[in-house]
């Protein structure tokens, strides 16, 4: 298993965005993904953060708009990683998200 220390500030970025509503979370995702989708370590961080945010909101309120939004964003980022990472980069991703 890959030791998981975040290389990014994504967790705090999304936590701050939540204070401004789902549209701000969506905007944060779009900016983060656009800037970092080609960096496999940052992409891995993004997928893990989105997954943790999804589960955190689901535990508090499964019907929250944040739960649905984080599920959608996680699925998109996770699918992108699985479709585009190859070799050692994919191995890193799979070990980190396992």
PDB file of N, CA and C in Angstrom:
ATOM      1  N   UNK A   1       0.842  -1.193   0.000  1.00  0.00           N
ATOM      2  CA  UNK A   1       0.000   0.000   0.000  1.00  0.00           C
ATOM      3  C   UNK A   1       0.879   1.245   0.000  1.00  0.00           C
ATOM      4  N   UNK A   2       0.472   2.232  -0.725  1.00  0.00           N
ATOM      5  CA  UNK A   2       1.170   3.508  -0.803  1.00  0.00           C
ATOM      6  C   UNK A   2       0.852   4.314   0.448  1.00  0.00           C
ATOM      7  N   UNK A   3       1.887   4.852   1.110  1.00  0.00           N
ATOM      8  CA  UNK A   3       1.643   5.721   2.265  1.00  0.00           C
ATOM      9  C   UNK A   3       0.878   6.941   1.779  1.00  0.00           C
ATOM     10  N   UNK A   4      -0.221   7.266   2.455  1.00  0.00           N
ATOM     11  CA  UNK A   4      -1.071   8.331   1.957  1.00  0.00           C
ATOM     12  C   UNK A   4      -0.939   9.593   2.779  1.00  0.00           C
ATOM     13  N   UNK A   5      -0.057  10.417   2.339  1.00  0.00           N
ATOM     14  CA  UNK A   5       0.012  11.789   2.817  1.00  0.00           C
ATOM     15  C   UNK A   5      -0.317  12.642   1.608  1.00  0.00           C
ATOM     16  N   UNK A   6      -1.266  13.518   1.763  1.00  0.00           N
ATOM     17  CA  UNK A   6      -1.664  14.310   0.613  1.00  0.00           C
ATOM     18  C   UNK A   6      -0.535  15.212   0.141  1.00  0.00           C
ATOM     19  N   UNK A   7      -0.410  15.259  -1.174  1.00  0.00           N
ATOM     20  CA  UNK A   7       0.547  16.143  -1.825  1.00  0.00           C
ATOM     21  C   UNK A   7      -0.089  17.495  -2.120  1.00  0.00           C
ATOM     22  N   UNK A   8      -1.351  17.637  -1.775  1.00  0.00           N
ATOM     23  CA  UNK A   8      -2.132  18.804  -2.187  1.00  0.00           C
ATOM     24  C   UNK A   8      -2.907  19.404  -1.012  1.00  0.00           C
ATOM     25  N   UNK A   9      -3.577  20.499  -1.314  1.00  0.00           N
ATOM     26  CA  UNK A   9      -4.485  21.123  -0.343  1.00  0.00           C
ATOM     27  C   UNK A   9      -5.940  20.868  -0.719  1.00  0.00           C
ATOM     28  N   UNK A  10      -6.183  19.834  -1.521  1.00  0.00           N
ATOM     29  CA  UNK A  10      -7.539  19.596  -2.034  1.00  0.00           C
ATOM     30  C   UNK A  10      -8.576  19.425  -0.931  1.00  0.00           C
ATOM     31  N   UNK A  11      -8.225  18.729   0.134  1.00  0.00           N
ATOM     32  CA  UNK A  11      -9.207  18.514   1.204  1.00  0.00           C
ATOM     33  C   UNK A  11      -9.675  19.857   1.768  1.00  0.00           C
ATOM     34  N   UNK A  12      -8.747  20.731   2.074  1.00  0.00           N
ATOM     35  CA  UNK A  12      -9.149  22.038   2.617  1.00  0.00           C
ATOM     36  C   UNK A  12      -9.805  22.900   1.545  1.00  0.00           C
ATOM     37  N   UNK A  13      -9.381  22.774   0.306  1.00  0.00           N
ATOM     38  CA  UNK A  13     -10.003  23.541  -0.776  1.00  0.00           C
ATOM     39  C   UNK A  13     -11.487  23.202  -0.890  1.00  0.00           C
ATOM     40  N   UNK A  14     -11.809  21.905  -0.853  1.00  0.00           N
ATOM     41  CA  UNK A  14     -13.210  21.506  -0.951  1.00  0.00           C
ATOM     42  C   UNK A  14     -13.987  21.849   0.312  1.00  0.00           C
ATOM     43  N   UNK A  15     -13.352  21.752   1.457  1.00  0.00           N
ATOM     44  CA  UNK A  15     -14.016  22.111   2.707  1.00  0.00           C
ATOM     45  C   UNK A  15     -14.400  23.592   2.686  1.00  0.00           C
ATOM     46  N   UNK A  16     -13.518  24.426   2.215  1.00  0.00           N
ATOM     47  CA  UNK A  16     -13.813  25.861   2.095  1.00  0.00           C
ATOM     48  C   UNK A  16     -14.933  26.086   1.086  1.00  0.00           C
ATOM     49  N   UNK A  17     -14.859  25.418  -0.055  1.00  0.00           N
ATOM     50  CA  UNK A  17     -15.881  25.591  -1.097  1.00  0.00           C
ATOM     51  C   UNK A  17     -17.263  25.213  -0.590  1.00  0.00           C
ATOM     52  N   UNK A  18     -17.340  24.191   0.265  1.00  0.00           N
ATOM     53  CA  UNK A  18     -18.639  23.759   0.794  1.00  0.00           C
ATOM     54  C   UNK A  18     -19.366  24.883   1.521  1.00  0.00           C
ATOM     55  N   UNK A  19     -18.631  25.788   2.105  1.00  0.00           N
ATOM     56  CA  UNK A  19     -19.253  26.898   2.828  1.00  0.00           C
ATOM     57  C   UNK A  19     -20.042  27.814   1.897  1.00  0.00           C
ATOM     58  N   UNK A  20     -19.769  27.695   0.589  1.00  0.00           N
ATOM     59  CA  UNK A  20     -20.425  28.547  -0.398  1.00  0.00           C
ATOM     60  C   UNK A  20     -21.417  27.774  -1.266  1.00  0.00           C
ATOM     61  N   UNK A  21     -21.624  26.496  -0.952  1.00  0.00           N
ATOM     62  CA  UNK A  21     -22.644  25.710  -1.628  1.00  0.00           C
ATOM     63  C   UNK A  21     -22.116  24.773  -2.698  1.00  0.00           C
ATOM     64  N   UNK A  22     -23.020  23.934  -3.213  1.00  0.00           N
ATOM     65  CA  UNK A  22     -22.634  22.944  -4.214  1.00  0.00           C
ATOM     66  C   UNK A  22     -22.011  23.539  -5.484  1.00  0.00           C
ATOM     67  N   UNK A  23     -22.482  24.694  -5.911  1.00  0.00           N
ATOM     68  CA  UNK A  23     -21.914  25.306  -7.120  1.00  0.00           C
ATOM     69  C   UNK A  23     -20.435  25.635  -6.921  1.00  0.00           C
ATOM     70  N   UNK A  24     -20.062  26.054  -5.715  1.00  0.00           N
ATOM     71  CA  UNK A  24     -18.657  26.350  -5.426  1.00  0.00           C
ATOM     72  C   UNK A  24     -17.821  25.070  -5.406  1.00  0.00           C
ATOM     73  N   UNK A  25     -18.414  23.978  -4.916  1.00  0.00           N
ATOM     74  CA  UNK A  25     -17.711  22.689  -4.937  1.00  0.00           C
ATOM     75  C   UNK A  25     -17.490  22.263  -6.386  1.00  0.00           C
ATOM     76  N   UNK A  26     -18.515  22.387  -7.215  1.00  0.00           N
ATOM     77  CA  UNK A  26     -18.391  22.051  -8.633  1.00  0.00           C
ATOM     78  C   UNK A  26     -17.302  22.882  -9.294  1.00  0.00           C
ATOM     79  N   UNK A  27     -17.294  24.175  -9.022  1.00  0.00           N
ATOM     80  CA  UNK A  27     -16.286  25.072  -9.586  1.00  0.00           C
ATOM     81  C   UNK A  27     -14.882  24.683  -9.121  1.00  0.00           C
ATOM     82  N   UNK A  28     -14.742  24.353  -7.861  1.00  0.00           N
ATOM     83  CA  UNK A  28     -13.442  23.932  -7.328  1.00  0.00           C
ATOM     84  C   UNK A  28     -12.974  22.673  -8.038  1.00  0.00           C
ATOM     85  N   UNK A  29     -13.877  21.719  -8.202  1.00  0.00           N
ATOM     86  CA  UNK A  29     -13.520  20.493  -8.921  1.00  0.00           C
ATOM     87  C   UNK A  29     -13.056  20.806 -10.340  1.00  0.00           C
ATOM     88  N   UNK A  30     -13.798  21.610 -11.048  1.00  0.00           N
ATOM     89  CA  UNK A  30     -13.451  21.922 -12.434  1.00  0.00           C
ATOM     90  C   UNK A  30     -12.077  22.578 -12.534  1.00  0.00           C
ATOM     91  N   UNK A  31     -11.791  23.499 -11.623  1.00  0.00           N
ATOM     92  CA  UNK A  31     -10.484  24.158 -11.643  1.00  0.00           C
ATOM     93  C   UNK A  31      -9.367  23.187 -11.287  1.00  0.00           C
ATOM     94  N   UNK A  32      -9.577  22.385 -10.245  1.00  0.00           N
ATOM     95  CA  UNK A  32      -8.563  21.420  -9.813  1.00  0.00           C
ATOM     96  C   UNK A  32      -8.319  20.386 -10.905  1.00  0.00           C
ATOM     97  N   UNK A  33      -9.395  19.826 -11.444  1.00  0.00           N
ATOM     98  CA  UNK A  33      -9.238  18.791 -12.461  1.00  0.00           C
ATOM     99  C   UNK A  33      -8.539  19.344 -13.696  1.00  0.00           C
ATOM    100  N   UNK A  34      -8.955  20.508 -14.152  1.00  0.00           N
ATOM    101  CA  UNK A  34      -8.350  21.124 -15.340  1.00  0.00           C
ATOM    102  C   UNK A  34      -6.842  21.322 -15.159  1.00  0.00           C
ATOM    103  N   UNK A  35      -6.458  21.780 -13.989  1.00  0.00           N
ATOM    104  CA  UNK A  35      -5.052  22.090 -13.751  1.00  0.00           C
ATOM    105  C   UNK A  35      -4.206  20.847 -13.478  1.00  0.00           C
ATOM    106  N   UNK A  36      -4.777  19.818 -12.853  1.00  0.00           N
ATOM    107  CA  UNK A  36      -3.952  18.727 -12.330  1.00  0.00           C
ATOM    108  C   UNK A  36      -4.250  17.339 -12.877  1.00  0.00           C
ATOM    109  N   UNK A  37      -5.159  17.162 -13.809  1.00  0.00           N
ATOM    110  CA  UNK A  37      -5.513  15.817 -14.263  1.00  0.00           C
ATOM    111  C   UNK A  37      -4.352  15.066 -14.915  1.00  0.00           C
ATOM    112  N   UNK A  38      -3.342  15.772 -15.371  1.00  0.00           N
ATOM    113  CA  UNK A  38      -2.188  15.111 -15.996  1.00  0.00           C
ATOM    114  C   UNK A  38      -1.116  14.694 -14.999  1.00  0.00           C
ATOM    115  N   UNK A  39      -1.238  15.083 -13.744  1.00  0.00           N
ATOM    116  CA  UNK A  39      -0.280  14.696 -12.710  1.00  0.00           C
ATOM    117  C   UNK A  39      -0.892  13.535 -11.926  1.00  0.00           C
ATOM    118  N   UNK A  40      -0.350  12.333 -12.090  1.00  0.00           N
ATOM    119  CA  UNK A  40      -0.987  11.150 -11.509  1.00  0.00           C
ATOM    120  C   UNK A  40      -1.047  11.184  -9.996  1.00  0.00           C
ATOM    121  N   UNK A  41      -0.078  11.806  -9.342  1.00  0.00           N
ATOM    122  CA  UNK A  41      -0.124  11.893  -7.878  1.00  0.00           C
ATOM    123  C   UNK A  41      -1.250  12.837  -7.435  1.00  0.00           C
ATOM    124  N   UNK A  42      -1.356  13.968  -8.090  1.00  0.00           N
ATOM    125  CA  UNK A  42      -2.407  14.921  -7.739  1.00  0.00           C
ATOM    126  C   UNK A  42      -3.785  14.371  -8.116  1.00  0.00           C
ATOM    127  N   UNK A  43      -3.863  13.682  -9.255  1.00  0.00           N
ATOM    128  CA  UNK A  43      -5.117  13.055  -9.642  1.00  0.00           C
ATOM    129  C   UNK A  43      -5.525  12.015  -8.597  1.00  0.00           C
ATOM    130  N   UNK A  44      -4.568  11.257  -8.116  1.00  0.00           N
ATOM    131  CA  UNK A  44      -4.834  10.276  -7.066  1.00  0.00           C
ATOM    132  C   UNK A  44      -5.350  10.971  -5.807  1.00  0.00           C
ATOM    133  N   UNK A  45      -4.692  12.046  -5.404  1.00  0.00           N
ATOM    134  CA  UNK A  45      -5.165  12.824  -4.254  1.00  0.00           C
ATOM    135  C   UNK A  45      -6.602  13.281  -4.464  1.00  0.00           C
ATOM    136  N   UNK A  46      -6.891  13.785  -5.650  1.00  0.00           N
ATOM    137  CA  UNK A  46      -8.227  14.287  -5.941  1.00  0.00           C
ATOM    138  C   UNK A  46      -9.268  13.187  -5.777  1.00  0.00           C
ATOM    139  N   UNK A  47      -9.008  12.020  -6.322  1.00  0.00           N
ATOM    140  CA  UNK A  47      -9.960  10.914  -6.226  1.00  0.00           C
ATOM    141  C   UNK A  47     -10.173  10.514  -4.764  1.00  0.00           C
ATOM    142  N   UNK A  48      -9.103  10.446  -3.992  1.00  0.00           N
ATOM    143  CA  UNK A  48      -9.221  10.063  -2.581  1.00  0.00           C
ATOM    144  C   UNK A  48      -9.992  11.119  -1.790  1.00  0.00           C
ATOM    145  N   UNK A  49      -9.684  12.379  -2.019  1.00  0.00           N
ATOM    146  CA  UNK A  49     -10.391  13.458  -1.317  1.00  0.00           C
ATOM    147  C   UNK A  49     -11.881  13.429  -1.667  1.00  0.00           C
ATOM    148  N   UNK A  50     -12.200  13.285  -2.936  1.00  0.00           N
ATOM    149  CA  UNK A  50     -13.610  13.238  -3.339  1.00  0.00           C
ATOM    150  C   UNK A  50     -14.317  12.057  -2.698  1.00  0.00           C
ATOM    151  N   UNK A  51     -13.639  10.915  -2.609  1.00  0.00           N
ATOM    152  CA  UNK A  51     -14.225   9.744  -1.974  1.00  0.00           C
ATOM    153  C   UNK A  51     -14.466   9.987  -0.490  1.00  0.00           C
ATOM    154  N   UNK A  52     -13.495  10.577   0.190  1.00  0.00           N
ATOM    155  CA  UNK A  52     -13.668  10.863   1.620  1.00  0.00           C
ATOM    156  C   UNK A  52     -14.771  11.878   1.857  1.00  0.00           C
ATOM    157  N   UNK A  53     -14.846  12.891   1.002  1.00  0.00           N
ATOM    158  CA  UNK A  53     -15.915  13.883   1.121  1.00  0.00           C
ATOM    159  C   UNK A  53     -17.280  13.229   0.885  1.00  0.00           C
ATOM    160  N   UNK A  54     -17.360  12.369  -0.130  1.00  0.00           N
ATOM    161  CA  UNK A  54     -18.592  11.650  -0.415  1.00  0.00           C
ATOM    162  C   UNK A  54     -19.045  10.864   0.794  1.00  0.00           C
ATOM    163  N   UNK A  55     -18.164  10.065   1.379  1.00  0.00           N
ATOM    164  CA  UNK A  55     -18.555   9.238   2.515  1.00  0.00           C
ATOM    165  C   UNK A  55     -18.867  10.067   3.748  1.00  0.00           C
ATOM    166  N   UNK A  56     -18.136  11.136   3.954  1.00  0.00           N
ATOM    167  CA  UNK A  56     -18.419  12.008   5.091  1.00  0.00           C
ATOM    168  C   UNK A  56     -19.807  12.610   5.009  1.00  0.00           C
ATOM    169  N   UNK A  57     -20.176  13.079   3.838  1.00  0.00           N
ATOM    170  CA  UNK A  57     -21.512  13.665   3.675  1.00  0.00           C
ATOM    171  C   UNK A  57     -22.585  12.586   3.708  1.00  0.00           C
ATOM    172  N   UNK A  58     -22.320  11.420   3.128  1.00  0.00           N
ATOM    173  CA  UNK A  58     -23.292  10.342   3.135  1.00  0.00           C
ATOM    174  C   UNK A  58     -23.600   9.894   4.564  1.00  0.00           C
ATOM    175  N   UNK A  59     -22.563   9.821   5.401  1.00  0.00           N
ATOM    176  CA  UNK A  59     -22.785   9.424   6.801  1.00  0.00           C
ATOM    177  C   UNK A  59     -23.657  10.431   7.540  1.00  0.00           C
ATOM    178  N   UNK A  60     -23.497  11.716   7.233  1.00  0.00           N
ATOM    179  CA  UNK A  60     -24.286  12.757   7.896  1.00  0.00           C
ATOM    180  C   UNK A  60     -25.687  12.892   7.317  1.00  0.00           C
ATOM    181  N   UNK A  61     -25.807  12.774   5.996  1.00  0.00           N
ATOM    182  CA  UNK A  61     -27.100  12.946   5.335  1.00  0.00           C
ATOM    183  C   UNK A  61     -27.026  12.351   3.932  1.00  0.00           C
ATOM    184  N   UNK A  62     -27.463  11.100   3.776  1.00  0.00           N
ATOM    185  CA  UNK A  62     -27.385  10.453   2.461  1.00  0.00           C
ATOM    186  C   UNK A  62     -28.114  11.216   1.357  1.00  0.00           C
ATOM    187  N   UNK A  63     -29.077  12.042   1.734  1.00  0.00           N
ATOM    188  CA  UNK A  63     -29.857  12.781   0.746  1.00  0.00           C
ATOM    189  C   UNK A  63     -29.354  14.201   0.505  1.00  0.00           C
ATOM    190  N   UNK A  64     -28.215  14.540   1.092  1.00  0.00           N
ATOM    191  CA  UNK A  64     -27.639  15.875   0.931  1.00  0.00           C
ATOM    192  C   UNK A  64     -27.245  16.126  -0.525  1.00  0.00           C
ATOM    193  N   UNK A  65     -27.413  17.364  -0.985  1.00  0.00           N
ATOM    194  CA  UNK A  65     -26.935  17.676  -2.339  1.00  0.00           C
ATOM    195  C   UNK A  65     -25.424  17.485  -2.461  1.00  0.00           C
ATOM    196  N   UNK A  66     -24.700  17.636  -1.359  1.00  0.00           N
ATOM    197  CA  UNK A  66     -23.256  17.404  -1.399  1.00  0.00           C
ATOM    198  C   UNK A  66     -22.940  15.923  -1.616  1.00  0.00           C
ATOM    199  N   UNK A  67     -23.751  15.044  -1.033  1.00  0.00           N
ATOM    200  CA  UNK A  67     -23.536  13.609  -1.212  1.00  0.00           C
ATOM    201  C   UNK A  67     -23.646  13.253  -2.693  1.00  0.00           C
ATOM    202  N   UNK A  68     -24.700  13.685  -3.313  1.00  0.00           N
ATOM    203  CA  UNK A  68     -24.907  13.392  -4.738  1.00  0.00           C
ATOM    204  C   UNK A  68     -23.815  14.022  -5.598  1.00  0.00           C
ATOM    205  N   UNK A  69     -23.467  15.258  -5.295  1.00  0.00           N
ATOM    206  CA  UNK A  69     -22.444  15.945  -6.087  1.00  0.00           C
ATOM    207  C   UNK A  69     -21.087  15.271  -5.938  1.00  0.00           C
ATOM    208  N   UNK A  70     -20.687  14.968  -4.718  1.00  0.00           N
ATOM    209  CA  UNK A  70     -19.394  14.305  -4.533  1.00  0.00           C
ATOM    210  C   UNK A  70     -19.382  12.922  -5.177  1.00  0.00           C
ATOM    211  N   UNK A  71     -20.509  12.233  -5.177  1.00  0.00           N
ATOM    212  CA  UNK A  71     -20.568  10.942  -5.854  1.00  0.00           C
ATOM    213  C   UNK A  71     -20.310  11.109  -7.352  1.00  0.00           C
ATOM    214  N   UNK A  72     -20.944  12.101  -7.944  1.00  0.00           N
ATOM    215  CA  UNK A  72     -20.768  12.377  -9.373  1.00  0.00           C
ATOM    216  C   UNK A  72     -19.321  12.772  -9.685  1.00  0.00           C
ATOM    217  N   UNK A  73     -18.763  13.655  -8.873  1.00  0.00           N
ATOM    218  CA  UNK A  73     -17.397  14.127  -9.119  1.00  0.00           C
ATOM    219  C   UNK A  73     -16.379  13.010  -8.906  1.00  0.00           C
ATOM    220  N   UNK A  74     -16.583  12.218  -7.844  1.00  0.00           N
ATOM    221  CA  UNK A  74     -15.685  11.095  -7.600  1.00  0.00           C
ATOM    222  C   UNK A  74     -15.711  10.121  -8.775  1.00  0.00           C
ATOM    223  N   UNK A  75     -16.900   9.766  -9.232  1.00  0.00           N
ATOM    224  CA  UNK A  75     -17.023   8.808 -10.337  1.00  0.00           C
ATOM    225  C   UNK A  75     -16.319   9.326 -11.590  1.00  0.00           C
ATOM    226  N   UNK A  76     -16.474  10.602 -11.894  1.00  0.00           N
ATOM    227  CA  UNK A  76     -15.841  11.175 -13.081  1.00  0.00           C
ATOM    228  C   UNK A  76     -14.316  11.137 -12.970  1.00  0.00           C
ATOM    229  N   UNK A  77     -13.783  11.547 -11.832  1.00  0.00           N
ATOM    230  CA  UNK A  77     -12.324  11.573 -11.652  1.00  0.00           C
ATOM    231  C   UNK A  77     -11.758  10.158 -11.598  1.00  0.00           C
ATOM    232  N   UNK A  78     -12.458   9.257 -10.917  1.00  0.00           N
ATOM    233  CA  UNK A  78     -12.009   7.873 -10.822  1.00  0.00           C
ATOM    234  C   UNK A  78     -12.006   7.208 -12.205  1.00  0.00           C
ATOM    235  N   UNK A  79     -13.071   7.394 -12.956  1.00  0.00           N
ATOM    236  CA  UNK A  79     -13.138   6.830 -14.305  1.00  0.00           C
ATOM    237  C   UNK A  79     -12.040   7.393 -15.191  1.00  0.00           C
ATOM    238  N   UNK A  80     -11.792   8.697 -15.085  1.00  0.00           N
ATOM    239  CA  UNK A  80     -10.717   9.306 -15.874  1.00  0.00           C
ATOM    240  C   UNK A  80      -9.383   8.646 -15.538  1.00  0.00           C
ATOM    241  N   UNK A  81      -9.108   8.475 -14.260  1.00  0.00           N
ATOM    242  CA  UNK A  81      -7.844   7.860 -13.841  1.00  0.00           C
ATOM    243  C   UNK A  81      -7.732   6.439 -14.388  1.00  0.00           C
ATOM    244  N   UNK A  82      -8.785   5.648 -14.235  1.00  0.00           N
ATOM    245  CA  UNK A  82      -8.745   4.262 -14.700  1.00  0.00           C
ATOM    246  C   UNK A  82      -8.603   4.170 -16.216  1.00  0.00           C
ATOM    247  N   UNK A  83      -9.165   5.115 -16.930  1.00  0.00           N
ATOM    248  CA  UNK A  83      -9.095   5.110 -18.397  1.00  0.00           C
ATOM    249  C   UNK A  83      -7.780   5.653 -18.943  1.00  0.00           C
ATOM    250  N   UNK A  84      -7.080   6.486 -18.165  1.00  0.00           N
ATOM    251  CA  UNK A  84      -5.929   7.206 -18.720  1.00  0.00           C
ATOM    252  C   UNK A  84      -4.585   6.879 -18.103  1.00  0.00           C
ATOM    253  N   UNK A  85      -4.556   6.402 -16.875  1.00  0.00           N
ATOM    254  CA  UNK A  85      -3.276   6.063 -16.265  1.00  0.00           C
ATOM    255  C   UNK A  85      -2.832   4.690 -16.753  1.00  0.00           C
ATOM    256  N   UNK A  86      -1.541   4.541 -16.958  1.00  0.00           N
ATOM    257  CA  UNK A  86      -0.973   3.289 -17.453  1.00  0.00           C
ATOM    258  C   UNK A  86       0.264   2.932 -16.639  1.00  0.00           C
ATOM    259  N   UNK A  87       0.605   1.654 -16.625  1.00  0.00           N
ATOM    260  CA  UNK A  87       1.851   1.186 -16.038  1.00  0.00           C
ATOM    261  C   UNK A  87       2.002   1.531 -14.574  1.00  0.00           C
ATOM    262  N   UNK A  88       3.171   2.066 -14.236  1.00  0.00           N
ATOM    263  CA  UNK A  88       3.497   2.395 -12.845  1.00  0.00           C
ATOM    264  C   UNK A  88       2.568   3.470 -12.280  1.00  0.00           C
ATOM    265  N   UNK A  89       2.105   4.367 -13.126  1.00  0.00           N
ATOM    266  CA  UNK A  89       1.185   5.408 -12.653  1.00  0.00           C
ATOM    267  C   UNK A  89      -0.155   4.808 -12.244  1.00  0.00           C
ATOM    268  N   UNK A  90      -0.648   3.858 -13.030  1.00  0.00           N
ATOM    269  CA  UNK A  90      -1.882   3.174 -12.672  1.00  0.00           C
ATOM    270  C   UNK A  90      -1.678   2.329 -11.415  1.00  0.00           C
ATOM    271  N   UNK A  91      -0.536   1.670 -11.314  1.00  0.00           N
ATOM    272  CA  UNK A  91      -0.235   0.883 -10.118  1.00  0.00           C
ATOM    273  C   UNK A  91      -0.250   1.757  -8.866  1.00  0.00           C
ATOM    274  N   UNK A  92       0.367   2.933  -8.946  1.00  0.00           N
ATOM    275  CA  UNK A  92       0.376   3.882  -7.823  1.00  0.00           C
ATOM    276  C   UNK A  92      -1.050   4.237  -7.438  1.00  0.00           C
ATOM    277  N   UNK A  93      -1.850   4.576  -8.439  1.00  0.00           N
ATOM    278  CA  UNK A  93      -3.242   4.970  -8.200  1.00  0.00           C
ATOM    279  C   UNK A  93      -4.013   3.839  -7.528  1.00  0.00           C
ATOM    280  N   UNK A  94      -3.920   2.648  -8.078  1.00  0.00           N
ATOM    281  CA  UNK A  94      -4.676   1.516  -7.538  1.00  0.00           C
ATOM    282  C   UNK A  94      -4.256   1.167  -6.130  1.00  0.00           C
ATOM    283  N   UNK A  95      -2.987   1.246  -5.833  1.00  0.00           N
ATOM    284  CA  UNK A  95      -2.516   0.958  -4.477  1.00  0.00           C
ATOM    285  C   UNK A  95      -2.985   2.033  -3.503  1.00  0.00           C
ATOM    286  N   UNK A  96      -2.996   3.271  -3.951  1.00  0.00           N
ATOM    287  CA  UNK A  96      -3.378   4.381  -3.064  1.00  0.00           C
ATOM    288  C   UNK A  96      -4.878   4.359  -2.762  1.00  0.00           C
ATOM    289  N   UNK A  97      -5.689   4.039  -3.754  1.00  0.00           N
ATOM    290  CA  UNK A  97      -7.134   4.087  -3.539  1.00  0.00           C
ATOM    291  C   UNK A  97      -7.694   2.793  -2.973  1.00  0.00           C
ATOM    292  N   UNK A  98      -6.886   1.754  -2.911  1.00  0.00           N
ATOM    293  CA  UNK A  98      -7.338   0.462  -2.385  1.00  0.00           C
ATOM    294  C   UNK A  98      -7.607   0.532  -0.901  1.00  0.00           C
TER     295      UNK A  98
END
